[in-house]
């Protein structure tokens, strides 16, 4: 079993690289809880803060503001200050912002707090793929990245289920406090369990990153057509998934379904995405071309969205269709994360490439809910939500076709 050498060669880190990688995935799940704490709390926050549907859409998306603006910049910073240090800083920001945000009384302050949480979230999840790549054997990388692709839906599952259960007896403010404390615990565990950057990065790699000027990293990253396509592909996927899953508690609330039941149903939908991510990891390991997985994911999302919103009024059929929407959609993020770390222009630009992909993903998550809400409001009901989601998916199919001409089947 591989271990990580302590500085100066005085001993070895007790945890194996694989166990550290799994812990990093769990850390990403902890960060994702903050993204998904709003959907189950949204009906309560709407009543308490007096928000309409479009304002609620912006509240769902506001945590992505930092990622939309700062993804590439934080990718640069993480390489310069160290991946582990960046993760620790992000966990600290998330914890403090959640604790302080529980005290806010006005919707504008809540929105501001969510944007600050977005900065912390980004500083946690951006460095993790690059760190996983450093410590994981190449033969296991596709499967581990498939596991990493689950961090967001896994966080959604836990929060939509446990959060809804908590809100049945508590308030959204106490939920914010609990998550702040939990994140502080993860910060301590990360400090204790994850080796310093000097142990996970070779001396040659450290010199190479130091030798790169920030402008060189930016130029190399942004001049890559592959990175742009990966980023856009993630953006149009994230716009659909975040909007549909984010608004499901509201849809069920309007259908007068109990809060606990609505949370459970939405959690099951999010859990389907975990299944898709894990399946993508296995498919990539088996040698299935990445662009085929992307095409299958986008086509499946089109069919399921039309069925769920445009062709049925049955809540049962709608639930099954949206569950399938989430499962087949799960093929997309794991594939794109794998390509982001394997098709980066150079090893030194792995974090900046992931940063740009995350930036466009955040843009999609920011734009998606308000766009879907606006379409629903303009056309007269949720039966028209598919118009927005299908538009995003068609763009994804075009991008996947283009990627098939630029990225080789093994992801290079």
Protein backbone atom coordinates (compact mmCIF):
# COMPACT_ATOMS: atom_id res chain seq x y z
CA UNK A 1 0.00 0.00 0.00
CA UNK A 2 1.34 3.39 -0.94
CA UNK A 3 1.88 5.91 1.83
CA UNK A 4 2.82 9.56 1.90
CA UNK A 5 6.26 10.43 3.17
CA UNK A 6 6.57 13.01 5.93
CA UNK A 7 8.81 16.02 5.38
CA UNK A 8 12.45 15.14 5.57
CA UNK A 9 11.73 11.44 5.21
CA UNK A 10 11.29 10.98 8.96
CA UNK A 11 8.32 8.70 8.65
CA UNK A 12 5.21 7.93 6.68
CA UNK A 13 1.68 9.23 6.74
CA UNK A 14 -0.60 6.64 8.31
CA UNK A 15 -3.39 6.95 5.74
CA UNK A 16 -3.17 5.44 2.26
CA UNK A 17 -3.61 7.71 -0.77
CA UNK A 18 -6.91 5.98 -1.58
CA UNK A 19 -8.31 6.64 1.89
CA UNK A 20 -7.19 10.26 1.70
CA UNK A 21 -8.92 10.57 -1.68
CA UNK A 22 -12.15 9.18 -0.19
CA UNK A 23 -11.91 11.65 2.70
CA UNK A 24 -11.46 14.48 0.20
CA UNK A 25 -14.65 13.37 -1.55
CA UNK A 26 -16.45 13.49 1.81
CA UNK A 27 -15.06 16.99 2.34
CA UNK A 28 -16.56 17.98 -1.00
CA UNK A 29 -19.88 16.52 0.14
CA UNK A 30 -19.69 18.66 3.29
CA UNK A 31 -19.16 21.76 1.15
CA UNK A 32 -22.04 20.75 -1.13
CA UNK A 33 -24.40 20.66 1.87
CA UNK A 34 -24.17 24.45 1.93
CA UNK A 35 -25.19 24.67 -1.73
CA UNK A 36 -28.25 22.50 -1.14
CA UNK A 37 -29.40 23.80 2.23
CA UNK A 38 -31.63 26.41 0.55
CA UNK A 39 -34.03 24.18 -1.50
CA UNK A 40 -35.72 22.43 1.46
CA UNK A 41 -35.74 25.70 3.42
CA UNK A 42 -36.99 27.80 0.50
CA UNK A 43 -40.74 27.66 1.28
CA UNK A 44 -40.03 28.82 4.85
CA UNK A 45 -37.60 31.53 3.70
CA UNK A 46 -40.12 32.77 1.11
CA UNK A 47 -42.73 33.29 3.81
CA UNK A 48 -40.34 34.80 6.36
CA UNK A 49 -38.42 37.06 3.96
CA UNK A 50 -41.29 37.85 1.55
CA UNK A 51 -39.66 36.61 -1.69
CA UNK A 52 -41.45 35.88 -4.98
CA UNK A 53 -40.61 33.02 -7.37
CA UNK A 54 -37.96 34.87 -9.38
CA UNK A 55 -36.28 36.20 -6.22
CA UNK A 56 -36.30 32.64 -4.91
CA UNK A 57 -34.55 31.53 -8.09
CA UNK A 58 -31.78 34.04 -7.47
CA UNK A 59 -31.49 32.86 -3.86
CA UNK A 60 -31.03 29.30 -5.12
CA UNK A 61 -28.36 30.51 -7.53
CA UNK A 62 -26.61 33.17 -5.42
CA UNK A 63 -24.13 30.73 -3.87
CA UNK A 64 -22.76 30.23 -7.38
CA UNK A 65 -21.94 33.94 -7.84
CA UNK A 66 -18.37 33.47 -6.58
CA UNK A 67 -17.80 30.49 -8.84
CA UNK A 68 -19.23 32.37 -11.78
CA UNK A 69 -16.74 35.22 -11.28
CA UNK A 70 -13.75 33.72 -9.47
CA UNK A 71 -13.36 30.08 -10.51
CA UNK A 72 -10.28 30.58 -12.66
CA UNK A 73 -8.74 33.02 -10.19
CA UNK A 74 -9.15 30.65 -7.26
CA UNK A 75 -7.69 27.88 -9.41
CA UNK A 76 -4.59 30.05 -9.83
CA UNK A 77 -4.44 30.87 -6.13
CA UNK A 78 -4.78 27.23 -5.09
CA UNK A 79 -1.71 26.27 -7.12
CA UNK A 80 0.31 29.15 -5.67
CA UNK A 81 -0.64 28.88 -1.98
CA UNK A 82 -1.02 25.10 -1.93
CA UNK A 83 -4.04 22.87 -2.50
CA UNK A 84 -4.42 21.79 1.14
CA UNK A 85 -4.12 25.33 2.45
CA UNK A 86 -6.77 26.49 -0.02
CA UNK A 87 -9.17 23.76 1.13
CA UNK A 88 -8.66 24.68 4.79
CA UNK A 89 -9.29 28.36 4.07
CA UNK A 90 -12.46 27.54 2.16
CA UNK A 91 -13.82 25.38 4.97
CA UNK A 92 -13.18 28.22 7.42
CA UNK A 93 -15.04 30.72 5.23
CA UNK A 94 -17.99 28.34 4.80
CA UNK A 95 -18.24 27.72 8.52
CA UNK A 96 -18.13 31.39 9.53
CA UNK A 97 -20.50 32.53 6.76
CA UNK A 98 -23.08 29.91 7.69
CA UNK A 99 -22.93 30.77 11.39
CA UNK A 100 -23.20 34.52 10.78
CA UNK A 101 -25.82 34.07 8.05
CA UNK A 102 -28.17 32.47 10.58
CA UNK A 103 -28.55 35.92 12.17
CA UNK A 104 -29.61 37.85 9.04
CA UNK A 105 -33.14 39.28 8.95
CA UNK A 106 -33.30 40.78 5.44
CA UNK A 107 -33.29 38.95 2.10
CA UNK A 108 -30.50 41.14 0.69
CA UNK A 109 -28.19 40.18 3.57
CA UNK A 110 -29.08 36.52 3.11
CA UNK A 111 -28.15 36.83 -0.58
CA UNK A 112 -24.83 38.47 0.37
CA UNK A 113 -24.11 35.70 2.85
CA UNK A 114 -24.79 33.10 0.19
CA UNK A 115 -22.30 34.77 -2.14
CA UNK A 116 -19.63 34.66 0.58
CA UNK A 117 -20.43 30.99 1.13
CA UNK A 118 -19.91 30.55 -2.59
CA UNK A 119 -16.32 31.79 -2.22
CA UNK A 120 -15.68 29.26 0.53
CA UNK A 121 -17.34 26.47 -1.44
CA UNK A 122 -15.14 27.20 -4.43
CA UNK A 123 -11.94 27.21 -2.37
CA UNK A 124 -12.86 23.75 -1.11
CA UNK A 125 -13.98 21.97 -4.27
CA UNK A 126 -11.60 23.48 -6.84
CA UNK A 127 -8.32 22.09 -5.43
CA UNK A 128 -9.67 18.63 -4.62
CA UNK A 129 -9.61 17.11 -8.17
CA UNK A 130 -6.00 18.23 -8.67
CA UNK A 131 -5.04 16.85 -5.25
CA UNK A 132 -6.80 13.56 -6.00
CA UNK A 133 -4.90 13.32 -9.28
CA UNK A 134 -1.59 13.82 -7.43
CA UNK A 135 -2.15 11.08 -4.88
CA UNK A 136 -4.10 8.49 -6.92
CA UNK A 137 -2.63 5.82 -9.18
CA UNK A 138 -3.40 6.36 -12.86
CA UNK A 139 -5.14 2.96 -13.05
CA UNK A 140 -7.64 4.04 -10.39
CA UNK A 141 -8.10 7.65 -11.46
CA UNK A 142 -11.22 7.20 -13.62
CA UNK A 143 -13.07 5.39 -10.83
CA UNK A 144 -11.99 7.86 -8.16
CA UNK A 145 -13.05 10.76 -10.37
CA UNK A 146 -16.38 8.99 -10.83
CA UNK A 147 -16.66 8.98 -7.04
CA UNK A 148 -15.70 12.66 -6.91
CA UNK A 149 -18.42 13.42 -9.43
CA UNK A 150 -20.89 12.29 -6.74
CA UNK A 151 -19.97 15.01 -4.25
CA UNK A 152 -22.64 17.47 -5.38
CA UNK A 153 -25.58 15.03 -5.72
CA UNK A 154 -24.52 13.26 -2.50
CA UNK A 155 -24.65 16.59 -0.69
CA UNK A 156 -28.03 17.22 -2.28
CA UNK A 157 -29.35 13.84 -1.11
CA UNK A 158 -28.24 14.37 2.47
CA UNK A 159 -29.50 17.93 2.68
CA UNK A 160 -32.81 17.43 0.89
CA UNK A 161 -33.62 14.49 3.16
CA UNK A 162 -31.99 15.40 6.48
CA UNK A 163 -32.61 19.11 5.96
CA UNK A 164 -36.30 18.52 5.36
CA UNK A 165 -36.47 16.33 8.47
CA UNK A 166 -34.74 19.05 10.49
CA UNK A 167 -37.07 21.75 9.17
CA UNK A 168 -40.07 19.72 10.28
CA UNK A 169 -39.04 20.39 13.90
CA UNK A 170 -36.59 23.31 13.65
CA UNK A 171 -35.92 26.45 11.63
CA UNK A 172 -33.70 27.31 8.70
CA UNK A 173 -31.58 29.44 11.03
CA UNK A 174 -30.71 26.53 13.30
CA UNK A 175 -29.93 24.46 10.19
CA UNK A 176 -27.38 27.10 9.17
CA UNK A 177 -25.77 26.86 12.64
CA UNK A 178 -25.55 23.06 12.53
CA UNK A 179 -23.87 23.16 9.12
CA UNK A 180 -21.43 25.82 10.29
CA UNK A 181 -20.34 23.61 13.19
CA UNK A 182 -20.11 20.50 10.98
CA UNK A 183 -17.90 22.35 8.50
CA UNK A 184 -15.61 23.49 11.32
CA UNK A 185 -15.21 19.84 12.32
CA UNK A 186 -14.26 18.93 8.74
CA UNK A 187 -11.71 21.74 8.75
CA UNK A 188 -10.01 20.21 11.80
CA UNK A 189 -10.12 16.72 10.27
CA UNK A 190 -8.64 18.02 7.01
CA UNK A 191 -5.78 19.61 8.94
CA UNK A 192 -5.12 16.32 10.75
CA UNK A 193 -5.63 13.80 7.93
CA UNK A 194 -4.58 15.44 4.66
CA UNK A 195 -0.79 15.68 4.24
CA UNK A 196 0.84 19.07 3.62
CA UNK A 197 1.42 20.01 -0.01
CA UNK A 198 5.13 19.32 0.38
CA UNK A 199 4.26 15.63 0.80
CA UNK A 200 1.86 15.33 -2.13
CA UNK A 201 3.86 17.31 -4.70
CA UNK A 202 7.27 16.36 -6.02
CA UNK A 203 10.12 18.85 -5.84
CA UNK A 204 10.21 19.06 -9.65
CA UNK A 205 6.46 19.79 -9.81
CA UNK A 206 6.80 22.48 -7.17
CA UNK A 207 9.58 24.15 -9.16
CA UNK A 208 7.54 23.92 -12.38
CA UNK A 209 4.48 25.60 -10.82
CA UNK A 210 6.64 28.28 -9.21
CA UNK A 211 8.33 28.95 -12.53
CA UNK A 212 5.01 29.55 -14.25
CA UNK A 213 3.88 33.16 -14.15
CA UNK A 214 0.21 33.67 -13.44
CA UNK A 215 -0.26 35.14 -16.91
CA UNK A 216 1.32 32.05 -18.46
CA UNK A 217 -1.05 29.75 -16.59
CA UNK A 218 -4.01 31.86 -17.67
CA UNK A 219 -2.88 32.05 -21.28
CA UNK A 220 -2.22 28.32 -21.50
CA UNK A 221 -5.56 27.45 -19.94
CA UNK A 222 -7.75 29.88 -21.86
CA UNK A 223 -6.09 29.18 -25.21
CA UNK A 224 -7.14 25.52 -25.00
CA UNK A 225 -10.23 24.72 -27.05
CA UNK A 226 -10.71 21.52 -25.06
CA UNK A 227 -10.92 23.40 -21.76
CA UNK A 228 -13.49 25.82 -23.20
CA UNK A 229 -15.67 23.01 -24.50
CA UNK A 230 -15.48 21.09 -21.22
CA UNK A 231 -16.44 24.24 -19.33
CA UNK A 232 -19.40 25.01 -21.58
CA UNK A 233 -20.55 21.38 -21.45
CA UNK A 234 -20.58 21.50 -17.66
CA UNK A 235 -22.41 24.82 -17.67
CA UNK A 236 -25.36 23.65 -19.77
CA UNK A 237 -25.62 20.44 -17.74
CA UNK A 238 -25.51 22.24 -14.39
CA UNK A 239 -28.14 24.76 -15.47
CA UNK A 240 -30.68 21.99 -16.05
CA UNK A 241 -29.95 19.81 -13.07
CA UNK A 242 -29.70 22.61 -10.51
CA UNK A 243 -32.96 24.16 -11.69
CA UNK A 244 -35.01 20.98 -11.79
CA UNK A 245 -33.77 19.49 -8.52
CA UNK A 246 -33.67 22.87 -6.79
CA UNK A 247 -37.32 23.63 -7.54
CA UNK A 248 -38.72 20.15 -6.79
CA UNK A 249 -39.46 20.95 -3.10
CA UNK A 250 -41.37 24.04 -4.27
CA UNK A 251 -43.30 22.03 -6.89
CA UNK A 252 -44.23 19.44 -4.27
CA UNK A 253 -45.16 22.17 -1.80
CA UNK A 254 -47.55 23.66 -4.38
CA UNK A 255 -49.02 20.17 -4.82
CA UNK A 256 -49.67 20.15 -1.03
CA UNK A 257 -47.28 17.29 -0.38
CA UNK A 258 -45.96 17.18 3.19
CA UNK A 259 -42.54 18.77 3.73
CA UNK A 260 -40.95 15.52 4.91
CA UNK A 261 -42.32 13.55 1.96
CA UNK A 262 -41.26 16.26 -0.49
CA UNK A 263 -37.76 16.22 0.96
CA UNK A 264 -37.54 12.44 0.69
CA UNK A 265 -38.73 12.40 -2.93
CA UNK A 266 -36.29 15.15 -3.92
CA UNK A 267 -33.48 13.35 -2.10
CA UNK A 268 -34.22 10.17 -4.06
CA UNK A 269 -34.04 12.19 -7.28
CA UNK A 270 -30.65 13.57 -6.28
CA UNK A 271 -29.50 10.07 -5.28
CA UNK A 272 -30.15 8.96 -8.83
CA UNK A 273 -27.42 11.33 -9.95
CA UNK A 274 -24.97 9.51 -7.67
CA UNK A 275 -25.83 6.27 -9.48
CA UNK A 276 -25.15 7.92 -12.83
CA UNK A 277 -21.80 9.30 -11.68
CA UNK A 278 -20.63 5.93 -10.38
CA UNK A 279 -21.82 4.29 -13.59
CA UNK A 280 -19.83 6.79 -15.63
CA UNK A 281 -16.70 5.96 -13.65
CA UNK A 282 -17.14 2.26 -14.43
CA UNK A 283 -17.83 2.98 -18.11
CA UNK A 284 -14.72 5.15 -18.42
CA UNK A 285 -12.65 2.46 -16.72
CA UNK A 286 -14.05 -0.05 -19.24
CA UNK A 287 -12.89 2.14 -22.13
CA UNK A 288 -16.17 3.65 -23.35
CA UNK A 289 -15.37 6.94 -25.16
CA UNK A 290 -16.20 10.00 -23.03
CA UNK A 291 -18.15 11.75 -25.79
CA UNK A 292 -20.51 8.76 -26.03
CA UNK A 293 -21.32 9.09 -22.33
CA UNK A 294 -21.93 12.82 -22.76
CA UNK A 295 -24.26 12.26 -25.71
CA UNK A 296 -26.22 9.61 -23.81
CA UNK A 297 -26.55 11.93 -20.84
CA UNK A 298 -27.87 14.93 -22.77
CA UNK A 299 -30.27 12.85 -24.88
CA UNK A 300 -31.64 11.15 -21.79
CA UNK A 301 -32.19 14.49 -20.05
CA UNK A 302 -34.13 15.78 -23.08
CA UNK A 303 -36.47 12.79 -23.19
CA UNK A 304 -37.07 12.72 -19.44
CA UNK A 305 -37.68 16.47 -19.11
CA UNK A 306 -40.27 16.46 -21.91
CA UNK A 307 -42.04 13.50 -20.30
CA UNK A 308 -41.91 14.93 -16.77
CA UNK A 309 -43.15 18.43 -17.54
CA UNK A 310 -44.75 18.39 -20.98
CA UNK A 311 -46.54 15.07 -21.36
CA UNK A 312 -47.96 14.15 -17.96
CA UNK A 313 -49.94 15.59 -15.06
CA UNK A 314 -49.36 12.53 -12.88
CA UNK A 315 -47.04 13.16 -9.93
CA UNK A 316 -46.00 9.50 -9.98
CA UNK A 317 -45.01 9.55 -13.65
CA UNK A 318 -43.32 12.90 -13.15
CA UNK A 319 -41.29 11.55 -10.24
CA UNK A 320 -40.11 8.52 -12.23
CA UNK A 321 -39.21 10.68 -15.22
CA UNK A 322 -37.24 13.18 -13.13
CA UNK A 323 -35.50 10.33 -11.31
CA UNK A 324 -34.38 8.99 -14.71
CA UNK A 325 -33.45 12.57 -15.71
CA UNK A 326 -31.10 12.67 -12.74
CA UNK A 327 -29.64 9.18 -13.31
CA UNK A 328 -28.76 9.64 -16.98
CA UNK A 329 -27.61 13.19 -16.29
CA UNK A 330 -25.12 11.74 -13.81
CA UNK A 331 -23.10 10.37 -16.72
CA UNK A 332 -22.09 13.94 -17.57
CA UNK A 333 -20.30 15.42 -14.50
CA UNK A 334 -18.10 12.40 -13.78
CA UNK A 335 -17.03 12.29 -17.43
CA UNK A 336 -16.27 16.01 -17.49
CA UNK A 337 -14.31 15.90 -14.23
CA UNK A 338 -12.23 13.03 -15.62
CA UNK A 339 -11.56 14.94 -18.83
CA UNK A 340 -10.75 18.11 -16.89
CA UNK A 341 -7.82 16.50 -15.09
CA UNK A 342 -6.62 14.30 -17.96
CA UNK A 343 -7.09 16.70 -20.88
CA UNK A 344 -5.66 19.81 -19.20
CA UNK A 345 -3.09 21.55 -21.44
CA UNK A 346 -0.29 20.69 -18.96
CA UNK A 347 0.10 19.25 -15.44
CA UNK A 348 0.73 22.76 -14.15
CA UNK A 349 -2.66 23.94 -15.45
CA UNK A 350 -4.78 21.17 -13.90
CA UNK A 351 -6.18 23.43 -11.16
CA UNK A 352 -6.77 26.35 -13.52
CA UNK A 353 -8.50 24.05 -16.03
CA UNK A 354 -10.74 22.65 -13.29
CA UNK A 355 -11.25 26.24 -12.12
CA UNK A 356 -12.49 27.37 -15.51
CA UNK A 357 -14.76 24.34 -15.80
CA UNK A 358 -16.11 25.07 -12.32
CA UNK A 359 -16.58 28.73 -13.23
CA UNK A 360 -18.81 27.82 -16.16
CA UNK A 361 -20.57 25.19 -14.04
CA UNK A 362 -21.32 27.89 -11.47
CA UNK A 363 -22.54 30.17 -14.25
CA UNK A 364 -24.93 27.43 -15.34
CA UNK A 365 -26.16 26.87 -11.79
CA UNK A 366 -26.60 30.62 -11.38
CA UNK A 367 -28.45 31.12 -14.67
CA UNK A 368 -30.47 27.89 -14.72
CA UNK A 369 -32.97 28.41 -11.86
CA UNK A 370 -33.91 32.01 -12.79
CA UNK A 371 -34.22 31.07 -16.48
CA UNK A 372 -36.49 28.12 -15.73
CA UNK A 373 -38.49 30.21 -13.25
CA UNK A 374 -38.86 33.00 -15.81
CA UNK A 375 -40.04 30.58 -18.52
CA UNK A 376 -42.53 29.00 -16.12
CA UNK A 377 -43.80 32.43 -15.07
CA UNK A 378 -44.03 33.76 -18.65
CA UNK A 379 -45.70 30.71 -20.21
CA UNK A 380 -48.05 29.97 -17.35
CA UNK A 381 -46.97 26.90 -15.42
CA UNK A 382 -44.44 24.16 -14.68
CA UNK A 383 -45.65 22.21 -17.73
CA UNK A 384 -43.42 24.54 -19.79
CA UNK A 385 -40.23 24.02 -17.76
CA UNK A 386 -38.97 21.56 -20.38
CA UNK A 387 -38.62 24.39 -22.91
CA UNK A 388 -35.69 25.82 -20.94
CA UNK A 389 -34.06 22.51 -19.98
CA UNK A 390 -34.23 21.06 -23.49
CA UNK A 391 -32.61 24.20 -24.90
CA UNK A 392 -29.66 23.71 -22.54
CA UNK A 393 -29.42 20.00 -23.41
CA UNK A 394 -29.38 20.64 -27.17
CA UNK A 395 -26.42 22.97 -26.67
CA UNK A 396 -24.78 20.17 -24.69
CA UNK A 397 -25.21 17.72 -27.57
CA UNK A 398 -23.54 20.16 -29.96
CA UNK A 399 -20.62 20.60 -27.56
CA UNK A 400 -20.28 16.83 -27.06
CA UNK A 401 -20.07 16.35 -30.83
CA UNK A 402 -17.32 18.96 -31.02
CA UNK A 403 -15.46 17.37 -28.11
CA UNK A 404 -15.46 14.04 -29.94
CA UNK A 405 -13.26 15.70 -32.59
CA UNK A 406 -10.80 17.25 -30.11
CA UNK A 407 -10.46 14.70 -27.30
CA UNK A 408 -9.26 11.15 -27.90
CA UNK A 409 -11.32 8.24 -26.49
CA UNK A 410 -8.96 7.78 -23.52
CA UNK A 411 -9.37 11.43 -22.53
CA UNK A 412 -6.09 12.84 -23.81
